[in-house]
Amino acid sequence: MASAMENKSQEYRSPRRKLVSFFRKSRDNWKRKCQEAKQRCRYYANQSRAAERSRDHWRDQAKAAKRRVQALEQELAEQKTQ
Protein backbone atom coordinates (compact mmCIF):
# COMPACT_ATOMS: atom_id res chain seq x y z
CA MET A 1 0.00 0.00 0.00
CA ALA A 2 2.88 2.33 0.70
CA SER A 3 4.17 1.80 -2.82
CA ALA A 4 0.74 2.75 -4.21
CA MET A 5 0.87 6.01 -2.27
CA GLU A 6 4.39 6.68 -3.43
CA ASN A 7 3.38 6.08 -7.04
CA LYS A 8 0.48 8.50 -6.70
CA SER A 9 2.61 11.16 -5.07
CA GLN A 10 5.11 10.81 -7.90
CA GLU A 11 2.38 11.78 -10.38
CA TYR A 12 2.50 15.36 -9.10
CA ARG A 13 5.47 17.54 -9.90
CA SER A 14 4.74 20.22 -7.31
CA PRO A 15 6.18 19.95 -3.81
CA ARG A 16 3.93 18.29 -1.25
CA ARG A 17 3.70 21.42 0.89
CA LYS A 18 2.11 23.26 -2.04
CA LEU A 19 -0.15 20.34 -2.91
CA VAL A 20 -1.37 20.04 0.67
CA SER A 21 -2.19 23.73 0.76
CA PHE A 22 -3.96 23.56 -2.60
CA PHE A 23 -6.00 20.47 -1.71
CA ARG A 24 -6.94 21.88 1.70
CA LYS A 25 -8.16 25.14 0.12
CA SER A 26 -10.05 23.18 -2.51
CA ARG A 27 -11.73 21.02 0.13
CA ASP A 28 -12.58 24.02 2.32
CA ASN A 29 -14.10 25.90 -0.62
CA TRP A 30 -16.16 22.86 -1.58
CA LYS A 31 -17.42 22.46 1.99
CA ARG A 32 -18.24 26.17 2.27
CA LYS A 33 -20.19 26.11 -1.01
CA CYS A 34 -22.08 23.01 0.08
CA GLN A 35 -22.95 24.53 3.47
CA GLU A 36 -24.12 27.77 1.83
CA ALA A 37 -26.31 25.79 -0.57
CA LYS A 38 -27.85 23.85 2.32
CA GLN A 39 -28.45 27.09 4.20
CA ARG A 40 -30.15 28.65 1.17
CA CYS A 41 -32.27 25.53 0.76
CA ARG A 42 -33.41 25.69 4.40
CA TYR A 43 -34.11 29.42 4.07
CA TYR A 44 -36.27 28.95 0.97
CA ALA A 45 -38.10 26.00 2.54
CA ASN A 46 -38.89 28.14 5.60
CA GLN A 47 -40.01 31.03 3.39
CA SER A 48 -42.26 28.67 1.44
CA ARG A 49 -43.86 27.32 4.63
CA ALA A 50 -44.37 30.84 5.98
CA ALA A 51 -45.99 31.99 2.73
CA GLU A 52 -48.24 28.95 2.71
CA ARG A 53 -49.34 29.58 6.31
CA SER A 54 -50.03 33.22 5.52
CA ARG A 55 -52.01 32.28 2.42
CA ASP A 56 -54.06 29.77 4.42
CA HIS A 57 -54.72 32.38 7.10
CA TRP A 58 -55.97 34.95 4.59
CA ARG A 59 -58.02 32.32 2.76
CA ASP A 60 -59.73 31.38 6.05
CA GLN A 61 -60.43 35.04 6.80
CA ALA A 62 -61.90 35.56 3.32
CA LYS A 63 -64.14 32.51 3.70
CA ALA A 64 -65.34 33.72 7.11
CA ALA A 65 -66.07 37.17 5.69
CA LYS A 66 -67.97 35.61 2.78
CA ARG A 67 -70.08 33.53 5.18
CA ARG A 68 -70.79 36.64 7.26
CA VAL A 69 -71.83 38.61 4.17
CA GLN A 70 -74.15 35.79 3.06
CA ALA A 71 -75.71 35.61 6.54
CA LEU A 72 -76.26 39.36 6.61
CA GLU A 73 -77.74 39.34 3.10
CA GLN A 74 -80.09 36.54 4.11
CA GLU A 75 -81.08 38.45 7.24
CA LEU A 76 -81.69 41.58 5.18
CA ALA A 77 -83.81 39.63 2.71
CA GLU A 78 -85.90 38.21 5.58
CA GLN A 79 -86.41 41.69 7.03
CA LYS A 80 -87.53 43.01 3.63
CA THR A 81 -90.14 40.27 3.29
CA GLN A 82 -91.68 41.08 6.68
PDB file of N, CA and C in Angstrom:
ATOM      1  N   MET A   1       0.823  -1.178   0.000  1.00  0.00           N
ATOM      2  CA  MET A   1       0.000   0.000   0.000  1.00  0.00           C
ATOM      3  C   MET A   1       0.875   1.252   0.000  1.00  0.00           C
ATOM      4  N   ALA A   2       1.988   1.189   0.660  1.00  0.00           N
ATOM      5  CA  ALA A   2       2.885   2.333   0.704  1.00  0.00           C
ATOM      6  C   ALA A   2       3.413   2.631  -0.701  1.00  0.00           C
ATOM      7  N   SER A   3       3.662   1.572  -1.463  1.00  0.00           N
ATOM      8  CA  SER A   3       4.173   1.799  -2.819  1.00  0.00           C
ATOM      9  C   SER A   3       3.102   2.448  -3.700  1.00  0.00           C
ATOM     10  N   ALA A   4       1.823   2.130  -3.447  1.00  0.00           N
ATOM     11  CA  ALA A   4       0.740   2.747  -4.206  1.00  0.00           C
ATOM     12  C   ALA A   4       0.675   4.237  -3.902  1.00  0.00           C
ATOM     13  N   MET A   5       0.879   4.591  -2.637  1.00  0.00           N
ATOM     14  CA  MET A   5       0.865   6.007  -2.266  1.00  0.00           C
ATOM     15  C   MET A   5       2.064   6.724  -2.869  1.00  0.00           C
ATOM     16  N   GLU A   6       3.192   6.055  -2.865  1.00  0.00           N
ATOM     17  CA  GLU A   6       4.393   6.678  -3.428  1.00  0.00           C
ATOM     18  C   GLU A   6       4.209   6.905  -4.924  1.00  0.00           C
ATOM     19  N   ASN A   7       3.601   5.928  -5.608  1.00  0.00           N
ATOM     20  CA  ASN A   7       3.376   6.079  -7.044  1.00  0.00           C
ATOM     21  C   ASN A   7       2.442   7.252  -7.323  1.00  0.00           C
ATOM     22  N   LYS A   8       1.410   7.382  -6.494  1.00  0.00           N
ATOM     23  CA  LYS A   8       0.475   8.500  -6.699  1.00  0.00           C
ATOM     24  C   LYS A   8       1.155   9.827  -6.427  1.00  0.00           C
ATOM     25  N   SER A   9       1.962   9.889  -5.388  1.00  0.00           N
ATOM     26  CA  SER A   9       2.613  11.158  -5.067  1.00  0.00           C
ATOM     27  C   SER A   9       3.639  11.519  -6.142  1.00  0.00           C
ATOM     28  N   GLN A  10       4.144  10.531  -6.847  1.00  0.00           N
ATOM     29  CA  GLN A  10       5.111  10.813  -7.903  1.00  0.00           C
ATOM     30  C   GLN A  10       4.428  11.360  -9.155  1.00  0.00           C
ATOM     31  N   GLU A  11       3.104  11.248  -9.230  1.00  0.00           N
ATOM     32  CA  GLU A  11       2.382  11.778 -10.377  1.00  0.00           C
ATOM     33  C   GLU A  11       2.414  13.304 -10.384  1.00  0.00           C
ATOM     34  N   TYR A  12       2.502  13.907  -9.199  1.00  0.00           N
ATOM     35  CA  TYR A  12       2.500  15.359  -9.097  1.00  0.00           C
ATOM     36  C   TYR A  12       3.934  15.877  -9.141  1.00  0.00           C
ATOM     37  N   ARG A  13       4.125  16.963  -9.816  1.00  0.00           N
ATOM     38  CA  ARG A  13       5.466  17.539  -9.904  1.00  0.00           C
ATOM     39  C   ARG A  13       5.693  18.615  -8.850  1.00  0.00           C
ATOM     40  N   SER A  14       4.625  19.161  -8.321  1.00  0.00           N
ATOM     41  CA  SER A  14       4.740  20.215  -7.308  1.00  0.00           C
ATOM     42  C   SER A  14       5.169  19.618  -5.979  1.00  0.00           C
ATOM     43  N   PRO A  15       5.800  20.433  -5.142  1.00  0.00           N
ATOM     44  CA  PRO A  15       6.184  19.948  -3.805  1.00  0.00           C
ATOM     45  C   PRO A  15       4.936  19.644  -2.972  1.00  0.00           C
ATOM     46  N   ARG A  16       5.076  18.709  -2.067  1.00  0.00           N
ATOM     47  CA  ARG A  16       3.934  18.286  -1.252  1.00  0.00           C
ATOM     48  C   ARG A  16       3.353  19.432  -0.435  1.00  0.00           C
ATOM     49  N   ARG A  17       4.191  20.316   0.076  1.00  0.00           N
ATOM     50  CA  ARG A  17       3.698  21.419   0.894  1.00  0.00           C
ATOM     51  C   ARG A  17       2.731  22.285   0.093  1.00  0.00           C
ATOM     52  N   LYS A  18       3.001  22.471  -1.190  1.00  0.00           N
ATOM     53  CA  LYS A  18       2.107  23.257  -2.036  1.00  0.00           C
ATOM     54  C   LYS A  18       0.838  22.471  -2.362  1.00  0.00           C
ATOM     55  N   LEU A  19       1.013  21.180  -2.596  1.00  0.00           N
ATOM     56  CA  LEU A  19      -0.146  20.343  -2.905  1.00  0.00           C
ATOM     57  C   LEU A  19      -1.098  20.279  -1.721  1.00  0.00           C
ATOM     58  N   VAL A  20      -0.532  20.121  -0.526  1.00  0.00           N
ATOM     59  CA  VAL A  20      -1.368  20.039   0.672  1.00  0.00           C
ATOM     60  C   VAL A  20      -2.166  21.321   0.818  1.00  0.00           C
ATOM     61  N   SER A  21      -1.510  22.441   0.657  1.00  0.00           N
ATOM     62  CA  SER A  21      -2.191  23.727   0.764  1.00  0.00           C
ATOM     63  C   SER A  21      -3.293  23.848  -0.287  1.00  0.00           C
ATOM     64  N   PHE A  22      -2.981  23.480  -1.508  1.00  0.00           N
ATOM     65  CA  PHE A  22      -3.959  23.563  -2.604  1.00  0.00           C
ATOM     66  C   PHE A  22      -5.165  22.663  -2.332  1.00  0.00           C
ATOM     67  N   PHE A  23      -4.905  21.409  -1.945  1.00  0.00           N
ATOM     68  CA  PHE A  23      -6.001  20.470  -1.712  1.00  0.00           C
ATOM     69  C   PHE A  23      -6.840  20.894  -0.500  1.00  0.00           C
ATOM     70  N   ARG A  24      -6.203  21.427   0.527  1.00  0.00           N
ATOM     71  CA  ARG A  24      -6.938  21.883   1.703  1.00  0.00           C
ATOM     72  C   ARG A  24      -7.859  23.044   1.319  1.00  0.00           C
ATOM     73  N   LYS A  25      -7.335  24.004   0.562  1.00  0.00           N
ATOM     74  CA  LYS A  25      -8.160  25.135   0.122  1.00  0.00           C
ATOM     75  C   LYS A  25      -9.315  24.651  -0.741  1.00  0.00           C
ATOM     76  N   SER A  26      -9.028  23.723  -1.630  1.00  0.00           N
ATOM     77  CA  SER A  26     -10.052  23.179  -2.511  1.00  0.00           C
ATOM     78  C   SER A  26     -11.154  22.517  -1.693  1.00  0.00           C
ATOM     79  N   ARG A  27     -10.751  21.706  -0.721  1.00  0.00           N
ATOM     80  CA  ARG A  27     -11.729  21.022   0.134  1.00  0.00           C
ATOM     81  C   ARG A  27     -12.544  22.024   0.938  1.00  0.00           C
ATOM     82  N   ASP A  28     -11.891  23.014   1.510  1.00  0.00           N
ATOM     83  CA  ASP A  28     -12.578  24.019   2.318  1.00  0.00           C
ATOM     84  C   ASP A  28     -13.569  24.823   1.480  1.00  0.00           C
ATOM     85  N   ASN A  29     -13.184  25.175   0.268  1.00  0.00           N
ATOM     86  CA  ASN A  29     -14.098  25.902  -0.622  1.00  0.00           C
ATOM     87  C   ASN A  29     -15.307  25.048  -0.977  1.00  0.00           C
ATOM     88  N   TRP A  30     -15.063  23.768  -1.232  1.00  0.00           N
ATOM     89  CA  TRP A  30     -16.156  22.861  -1.576  1.00  0.00           C
ATOM     90  C   TRP A  30     -17.122  22.741  -0.395  1.00  0.00           C
ATOM     91  N   LYS A  31     -16.566  22.585   0.809  1.00  0.00           N
ATOM     92  CA  LYS A  31     -17.420  22.460   1.992  1.00  0.00           C
ATOM     93  C   LYS A  31     -18.222  23.741   2.216  1.00  0.00           C
ATOM     94  N   ARG A  32     -17.574  24.891   2.065  1.00  0.00           N
ATOM     95  CA  ARG A  32     -18.242  26.167   2.267  1.00  0.00           C
ATOM     96  C   ARG A  32     -19.393  26.329   1.273  1.00  0.00           C
ATOM     97  N   LYS A  33     -19.138  26.001   0.011  1.00  0.00           N
ATOM     98  CA  LYS A  33     -20.189  26.109  -1.005  1.00  0.00           C
ATOM     99  C   LYS A  33     -21.350  25.178  -0.692  1.00  0.00           C
ATOM    100  N   CYS A  34     -21.041  23.987  -0.248  1.00  0.00           N
ATOM    101  CA  CYS A  34     -22.084  23.010   0.085  1.00  0.00           C
ATOM    102  C   CYS A  34     -22.910  23.507   1.274  1.00  0.00           C
ATOM    103  N   GLN A  35     -22.247  24.030   2.304  1.00  0.00           N
ATOM    104  CA  GLN A  35     -22.955  24.532   3.469  1.00  0.00           C
ATOM    105  C   GLN A  35     -23.828  25.731   3.111  1.00  0.00           C
ATOM    106  N   GLU A  36     -23.324  26.616   2.255  1.00  0.00           N
ATOM    107  CA  GLU A  36     -24.122  27.767   1.834  1.00  0.00           C
ATOM    108  C   GLU A  36     -25.353  27.319   1.049  1.00  0.00           C
ATOM    109  N   ALA A  37     -25.180  26.308   0.204  1.00  0.00           N
ATOM    110  CA  ALA A  37     -26.314  25.793  -0.571  1.00  0.00           C
ATOM    111  C   ALA A  37     -27.361  25.181   0.359  1.00  0.00           C
ATOM    112  N   LYS A  38     -26.921  24.435   1.361  1.00  0.00           N
ATOM    113  CA  LYS A  38     -27.855  23.852   2.325  1.00  0.00           C
ATOM    114  C   LYS A  38     -28.590  24.941   3.094  1.00  0.00           C
ATOM    115  N   GLN A  39     -27.848  25.982   3.468  1.00  0.00           N
ATOM    116  CA  GLN A  39     -28.454  27.086   4.204  1.00  0.00           C
ATOM    117  C   GLN A  39     -29.499  27.795   3.352  1.00  0.00           C
ATOM    118  N   ARG A  40     -29.182  28.026   2.080  1.00  0.00           N
ATOM    119  CA  ARG A  40     -30.151  28.652   1.169  1.00  0.00           C
ATOM    120  C   ARG A  40     -31.380  27.772   1.009  1.00  0.00           C
ATOM    121  N   CYS A  41     -31.158  26.481   0.909  1.00  0.00           N
ATOM    122  CA  CYS A  41     -32.272  25.533   0.756  1.00  0.00           C
ATOM    123  C   CYS A  41     -33.190  25.592   1.982  1.00  0.00           C
ATOM    124  N   ARG A  42     -32.600  25.596   3.181  1.00  0.00           N
ATOM    125  CA  ARG A  42     -33.408  25.689   4.397  1.00  0.00           C
ATOM    126  C   ARG A  42     -34.161  27.017   4.444  1.00  0.00           C
ATOM    127  N   TYR A  43     -33.487  28.098   4.053  1.00  0.00           N
ATOM    128  CA  TYR A  43     -34.110  29.417   4.071  1.00  0.00           C
ATOM    129  C   TYR A  43     -35.325  29.435   3.143  1.00  0.00           C
ATOM    130  N   TYR A  44     -35.156  28.928   1.920  1.00  0.00           N
ATOM    131  CA  TYR A  44     -36.267  28.945   0.974  1.00  0.00           C
ATOM    132  C   TYR A  44     -37.395  28.016   1.412  1.00  0.00           C
ATOM    133  N   ALA A  45     -37.064  26.906   2.033  1.00  0.00           N
ATOM    134  CA  ALA A  45     -38.099  26.005   2.545  1.00  0.00           C
ATOM    135  C   ALA A  45     -38.896  26.698   3.646  1.00  0.00           C
ATOM    136  N   ASN A  46     -38.201  27.411   4.537  1.00  0.00           N
ATOM    137  CA  ASN A  46     -38.894  28.142   5.604  1.00  0.00           C
ATOM    138  C   ASN A  46     -39.767  29.247   5.018  1.00  0.00           C
ATOM    139  N   GLN A  47     -39.246  29.965   4.031  1.00  0.00           N
ATOM    140  CA  GLN A  47     -40.013  31.025   3.392  1.00  0.00           C
ATOM    141  C   GLN A  47     -41.274  30.454   2.744  1.00  0.00           C
ATOM    142  N   SER A  48     -41.127  29.316   2.104  1.00  0.00           N
ATOM    143  CA  SER A  48     -42.258  28.673   1.442  1.00  0.00           C
ATOM    144  C   SER A  48     -43.328  28.289   2.461  1.00  0.00           C
ATOM    145  N   ARG A  49     -42.900  27.694   3.578  1.00  0.00           N
ATOM    146  CA  ARG A  49     -43.862  27.321   4.625  1.00  0.00           C
ATOM    147  C   ARG A  49     -44.551  28.555   5.200  1.00  0.00           C
ATOM    148  N   ALA A  50     -43.793  29.620   5.426  1.00  0.00           N
ATOM    149  CA  ALA A  50     -44.373  30.844   5.983  1.00  0.00           C
ATOM    150  C   ALA A  50     -45.386  31.441   5.009  1.00  0.00           C
ATOM    151  N   ALA A  51     -45.064  31.455   3.731  1.00  0.00           N
ATOM    152  CA  ALA A  51     -45.993  31.994   2.726  1.00  0.00           C
ATOM    153  C   ALA A  51     -47.251  31.139   2.667  1.00  0.00           C
ATOM    154  N   GLU A  52     -47.092  29.838   2.754  1.00  0.00           N
ATOM    155  CA  GLU A  52     -48.244  28.946   2.712  1.00  0.00           C
ATOM    156  C   GLU A  52     -49.156  29.165   3.926  1.00  0.00           C
ATOM    157  N   ARG A  53     -48.541  29.308   5.112  1.00  0.00           N
ATOM    158  CA  ARG A  53     -49.338  29.578   6.315  1.00  0.00           C
ATOM    159  C   ARG A  53     -50.090  30.896   6.185  1.00  0.00           C
ATOM    160  N   SER A  54     -49.406  31.910   5.692  1.00  0.00           N
ATOM    161  CA  SER A  54     -50.027  33.222   5.525  1.00  0.00           C
ATOM    162  C   SER A  54     -51.186  33.142   4.542  1.00  0.00           C
ATOM    163  N   ARG A  55     -50.968  32.440   3.438  1.00  0.00           N
ATOM    164  CA  ARG A  55     -52.012  32.277   2.420  1.00  0.00           C
ATOM    165  C   ARG A  55     -53.219  31.555   3.015  1.00  0.00           C
ATOM    166  N   ASP A  56     -52.965  30.508   3.783  1.00  0.00           N
ATOM    167  CA  ASP A  56     -54.062  29.769   4.421  1.00  0.00           C
ATOM    168  C   ASP A  56     -54.823  30.670   5.397  1.00  0.00           C
ATOM    169  N   HIS A  57     -54.094  31.469   6.145  1.00  0.00           N
ATOM    170  CA  HIS A  57     -54.718  32.383   7.102  1.00  0.00           C
ATOM    171  C   HIS A  57     -55.645  33.361   6.381  1.00  0.00           C
ATOM    172  N   TRP A  58     -55.152  33.982   5.320  1.00  0.00           N
ATOM    173  CA  TRP A  58     -55.969  34.951   4.588  1.00  0.00           C
ATOM    174  C   TRP A  58     -57.141  34.287   3.883  1.00  0.00           C
ATOM    175  N   ARG A  59     -56.926  33.061   3.407  1.00  0.00           N
ATOM    176  CA  ARG A  59     -58.015  32.324   2.760  1.00  0.00           C
ATOM    177  C   ARG A  59     -59.123  32.056   3.768  1.00  0.00           C
ATOM    178  N   ASP A  60     -58.743  31.635   4.993  1.00  0.00           N
ATOM    179  CA  ASP A  60     -59.733  31.380   6.045  1.00  0.00           C
ATOM    180  C   ASP A  60     -60.489  32.656   6.412  1.00  0.00           C
ATOM    181  N   GLN A  61     -59.759  33.772   6.485  1.00  0.00           N
ATOM    182  CA  GLN A  61     -60.426  35.040   6.795  1.00  0.00           C
ATOM    183  C   GLN A  61     -61.400  35.435   5.689  1.00  0.00           C
ATOM    184  N   ALA A  62     -61.020  35.226   4.438  1.00  0.00           N
ATOM    185  CA  ALA A  62     -61.897  35.565   3.317  1.00  0.00           C
ATOM    186  C   ALA A  62     -63.151  34.689   3.340  1.00  0.00           C
ATOM    187  N   LYS A  63     -62.980  33.403   3.633  1.00  0.00           N
ATOM    188  CA  LYS A  63     -64.142  32.508   3.701  1.00  0.00           C
ATOM    189  C   LYS A  63     -65.078  32.924   4.836  1.00  0.00           C
ATOM    190  N   ALA A  64     -64.515  33.291   5.973  1.00  0.00           N
ATOM    191  CA  ALA A  64     -65.343  33.724   7.113  1.00  0.00           C
ATOM    192  C   ALA A  64     -66.094  35.003   6.752  1.00  0.00           C
ATOM    193  N   ALA A  65     -65.418  35.921   6.093  1.00  0.00           N
ATOM    194  CA  ALA A  65     -66.067  37.174   5.692  1.00  0.00           C
ATOM    195  C   ALA A  65     -67.187  36.892   4.689  1.00  0.00           C
ATOM    196  N   LYS A  66     -66.939  35.966   3.774  1.00  0.00           N
ATOM    197  CA  LYS A  66     -67.965  35.615   2.777  1.00  0.00           C
ATOM    198  C   LYS A  66     -69.191  35.016   3.467  1.00  0.00           C
ATOM    199  N   ARG A  67     -68.961  34.124   4.436  1.00  0.00           N
ATOM    200  CA  ARG A  67     -70.084  33.532   5.178  1.00  0.00           C
ATOM    201  C   ARG A  67     -70.857  34.610   5.931  1.00  0.00           C
ATOM    202  N   ARG A  68     -70.136  35.548   6.515  1.00  0.00           N
ATOM    203  CA  ARG A  68     -70.786  36.639   7.262  1.00  0.00           C
ATOM    204  C   ARG A  68     -71.623  37.505   6.317  1.00  0.00           C
ATOM    205  N   VAL A  69     -71.089  37.811   5.149  1.00  0.00           N
ATOM    206  CA  VAL A  69     -71.832  38.605   4.167  1.00  0.00           C
ATOM    207  C   VAL A  69     -73.094  37.866   3.749  1.00  0.00           C
ATOM    208  N   GLN A  70     -72.985  36.569   3.473  1.00  0.00           N
ATOM    209  CA  GLN A  70     -74.154  35.789   3.064  1.00  0.00           C
ATOM    210  C   GLN A  70     -75.206  35.767   4.168  1.00  0.00           C
ATOM    211  N   ALA A  71     -74.755  35.628   5.416  1.00  0.00           N
ATOM    212  CA  ALA A  71     -75.709  35.608   6.536  1.00  0.00           C
ATOM    213  C   ALA A  71     -76.403  36.959   6.657  1.00  0.00           C
ATOM    214  N   LEU A  72     -75.654  38.033   6.512  1.00  0.00           N
ATOM    215  CA  LEU A  72     -76.263  39.363   6.606  1.00  0.00           C
ATOM    216  C   LEU A  72     -77.205  39.631   5.437  1.00  0.00           C
ATOM    217  N   GLU A  73     -76.847  39.167   4.250  1.00  0.00           N
ATOM    218  CA  GLU A  73     -77.742  39.337   3.099  1.00  0.00           C
ATOM    219  C   GLU A  73     -79.038  38.559   3.300  1.00  0.00           C
ATOM    220  N   GLN A  74     -78.900  37.363   3.846  1.00  0.00           N
ATOM    221  CA  GLN A  74     -80.091  36.540   4.111  1.00  0.00           C
ATOM    222  C   GLN A  74     -80.971  37.226   5.170  1.00  0.00           C
ATOM    223  N   GLU A  75     -80.330  37.752   6.198  1.00  0.00           N
ATOM    224  CA  GLU A  75     -81.075  38.449   7.242  1.00  0.00           C
ATOM    225  C   GLU A  75     -81.784  39.687   6.671  1.00  0.00           C
ATOM    226  N   LEU A  76     -81.091  40.400   5.814  1.00  0.00           N
ATOM    227  CA  LEU A  76     -81.685  41.583   5.175  1.00  0.00           C
ATOM    228  C   LEU A  76     -82.878  41.200   4.306  1.00  0.00           C
ATOM    229  N   ALA A  77     -82.727  40.107   3.548  1.00  0.00           N
ATOM    230  CA  ALA A  77     -83.813  39.630   2.705  1.00  0.00           C
ATOM    231  C   ALA A  77     -85.026  39.238   3.550  1.00  0.00           C
ATOM    232  N   GLU A  78     -84.798  38.597   4.694  1.00  0.00           N
ATOM    233  CA  GLU A  78     -85.897  38.212   5.583  1.00  0.00           C
ATOM    234  C   GLU A  78     -86.590  39.452   6.151  1.00  0.00           C
ATOM    235  N   GLN A  79     -85.803  40.462   6.480  1.00  0.00           N
ATOM    236  CA  GLN A  79     -86.412  41.691   7.030  1.00  0.00           C
ATOM    237  C   GLN A  79     -87.221  42.419   5.965  1.00  0.00           C
ATOM    238  N   LYS A  80     -86.787  42.371   4.724  1.00  0.00           N
ATOM    239  CA  LYS A  80     -87.532  43.014   3.630  1.00  0.00           C
ATOM    240  C   LYS A  80     -88.861  42.332   3.381  1.00  0.00           C
ATOM    241  N   THR A  81     -88.904  41.017   3.531  1.00  0.00           N
ATOM    242  CA  THR A  81     -90.137  40.272   3.294  1.00  0.00           C
ATOM    243  C   THR A  81     -91.151  40.494   4.412  1.00  0.00           C
ATOM    244  N   GLN A  82     -90.741  40.884   5.559  1.00  0.00           N
ATOM    245  CA  GLN A  82     -91.678  41.079   6.685  1.00  0.00           C
ATOM    246  C   GLN A  82     -92.322  42.391   6.668  1.00  0.00           C
TER     247      GLN A  82
END
